Each structure stands twice: as structure tokens, then as C-alpha cells.
Amino acid sequence: MVVREFLEKGRDLAERIPYSVIALAARFAVADVFWRSGQTKVAGLSIREEIPCWRVPAFSTWPFSG
């Protein structure tokens, strides 16, 4: 029954946190995603130069061989 007591204490602690604090934290979490997305657009989307052109070797000339 130690696990049950631990879970009850955790629930009691969670119930003491006001809903407004949880809602504010959730809003900041979502806003952070949009903020970071906007920052990549302002700074310019940077894709590493080392990424090669993706071709499948067996079909690299087949569609264009004609």
C-alpha cells in the first residue's frame, strides 16, 4: 500500500496548484513552439550543407534516360 499512499500524496499536492498556474504554463508551452518556428523564419531556415542530393542509385538515370 506504499504506492497508493505515494499516489494520494502526489494527487493532494497537485490539487493545491491553482488551475490558472497550470493554464498559464500550458499557454507558454504552446507559445514557445510558435515562437521558435517564427525565429527560424526570421533567421532563415538553415539546412546543413553536408546533406547530399537524395537519389536512389538504381533509378538515378532511369526516368531521364529517354
C-alpha atoms as a PDB file:
ATOM      1  CA  MET A   1       0.000   0.000   0.000  1.00  0.00           C
ATOM      2  CA  VAL A   2       3.014   2.284  -0.064  1.00  0.00           C
ATOM      3  CA  VAL A   3       2.414   3.033  -3.736  1.00  0.00           C
ATOM      4  CA  ARG A   4      -1.184   4.013  -3.070  1.00  0.00           C
ATOM      5  CA  GLU A   5      -0.146   6.409  -0.283  1.00  0.00           C
ATOM      6  CA  PHE A   6       2.511   7.903  -2.545  1.00  0.00           C
ATOM      7  CA  LEU A   7      -0.032   8.463  -5.309  1.00  0.00           C
ATOM      8  CA  GLU A   8      -2.514  10.015  -2.876  1.00  0.00           C
ATOM      9  CA  LYS A   9       0.140  12.433  -1.607  1.00  0.00           C
ATOM     10  CA  GLY A  10       1.001  13.345  -5.198  1.00  0.00           C
ATOM     11  CA  ARG A  11      -2.651  13.963  -6.017  1.00  0.00           C
ATOM     12  CA  ASP A  12      -3.066  16.126  -2.904  1.00  0.00           C
ATOM     13  CA  LEU A  13      -0.038  18.159  -3.927  1.00  0.00           C
ATOM     14  CA  ALA A  14      -1.375  18.543  -7.480  1.00  0.00           C
ATOM     15  CA  GLU A  15      -4.759  19.690  -6.192  1.00  0.00           C
ATOM     16  CA  ARG A  16      -3.086  22.551  -4.308  1.00  0.00           C
ATOM     17  CA  ILE A  17      -1.782  24.063  -7.538  1.00  0.00           C
ATOM     18  CA  PRO A  18      -4.286  26.606  -8.880  1.00  0.00           C
ATOM     19  CA  TYR A  19      -5.747  25.967 -12.310  1.00  0.00           C
ATOM     20  CA  SER A  20      -4.627  29.387 -13.509  1.00  0.00           C
ATOM     21  CA  VAL A  21      -0.972  28.455 -12.943  1.00  0.00           C
ATOM     22  CA  ILE A  22      -1.373  25.244 -14.933  1.00  0.00           C
ATOM     23  CA  ALA A  23      -3.207  27.076 -17.721  1.00  0.00           C
ATOM     24  CA  LEU A  24      -0.522  29.759 -17.878  1.00  0.00           C
ATOM     25  CA  ALA A  25       2.240  27.151 -18.096  1.00  0.00           C
ATOM     26  CA  ALA A  26       0.360  25.349 -20.868  1.00  0.00           C
ATOM     27  CA  ARG A  27      -0.062  28.596 -22.816  1.00  0.00           C
ATOM     28  CA  PHE A  28       3.639  29.377 -22.534  1.00  0.00           C
ATOM     29  CA  ALA A  29       4.483  25.860 -23.725  1.00  0.00           C
ATOM     30  CA  VAL A  30       2.367  26.289 -26.849  1.00  0.00           C
ATOM     31  CA  ALA A  31       3.618  29.831 -27.405  1.00  0.00           C
ATOM     32  CA  ASP A  32       7.205  28.573 -27.218  1.00  0.00           C
ATOM     33  CA  VAL A  33       6.591  26.255 -30.171  1.00  0.00           C
ATOM     34  CA  PHE A  34       5.252  29.100 -32.308  1.00  0.00           C
ATOM     35  CA  TRP A  35       7.992  31.469 -31.129  1.00  0.00           C
ATOM     36  CA  ARG A  36      10.726  29.025 -32.153  1.00  0.00           C
ATOM     37  CA  SER A  37       9.037  28.441 -35.502  1.00  0.00           C
ATOM     38  CA  GLY A  38       8.939  32.169 -36.131  1.00  0.00           C
ATOM     39  CA  GLN A  39      12.561  32.556 -35.129  1.00  0.00           C
ATOM     40  CA  THR A  40      13.645  30.036 -37.760  1.00  0.00           C
ATOM     41  CA  LYS A  41      11.790  32.026 -40.386  1.00  0.00           C
ATOM     42  CA  VAL A  42      13.408  35.292 -39.276  1.00  0.00           C
ATOM     43  CA  ALA A  43      16.911  33.821 -39.066  1.00  0.00           C
ATOM     44  CA  GLY A  44      16.477  31.813 -42.258  1.00  0.00           C
ATOM     45  CA  LEU A  45      15.916  28.113 -42.413  1.00  0.00           C
ATOM     46  CA  SER A  46      19.340  26.542 -42.269  1.00  0.00           C
ATOM     47  CA  ILE A  47      19.760  23.049 -43.610  1.00  0.00           C
ATOM     48  CA  ARG A  48      23.211  21.618 -43.290  1.00  0.00           C
ATOM     49  CA  GLU A  49      25.267  21.707 -46.454  1.00  0.00           C
ATOM     50  CA  GLU A  50      26.568  18.168 -45.898  1.00  0.00           C
ATOM     51  CA  ILE A  51      23.237  16.561 -46.784  1.00  0.00           C
ATOM     52  CA  PRO A  52      23.665  15.010 -50.226  1.00  0.00           C
ATOM     53  CA  CYS A  53      21.156  15.091 -53.020  1.00  0.00           C
ATOM     54  CA  TRP A  54      18.851  12.164 -52.326  1.00  0.00           C
ATOM     55  CA  ARG A  55      18.868   9.747 -55.244  1.00  0.00           C
ATOM     56  CA  VAL A  56      18.284   6.055 -55.378  1.00  0.00           C
ATOM     57  CA  PRO A  57      21.312   4.672 -57.272  1.00  0.00           C
ATOM     58  CA  ALA A  58      19.330   2.047 -59.190  1.00  0.00           C
ATOM     59  CA  PHE A  59      16.897   4.628 -60.559  1.00  0.00           C
ATOM     60  CA  SER A  60      19.118   7.699 -60.786  1.00  0.00           C
ATOM     61  CA  THR A  61      19.119   7.760 -64.614  1.00  0.00           C
ATOM     62  CA  TRP A  62      16.049   5.658 -65.442  1.00  0.00           C
ATOM     63  CA  PRO A  63      13.348   8.362 -65.653  1.00  0.00           C
ATOM     64  CA  PHE A  64      15.665  10.708 -67.566  1.00  0.00           C
ATOM     65  CA  SER A  65      17.343   8.208 -69.860  1.00  0.00           C
ATOM     66  CA  GLY A  66      14.967   8.788 -72.769  1.00  0.00           C
END
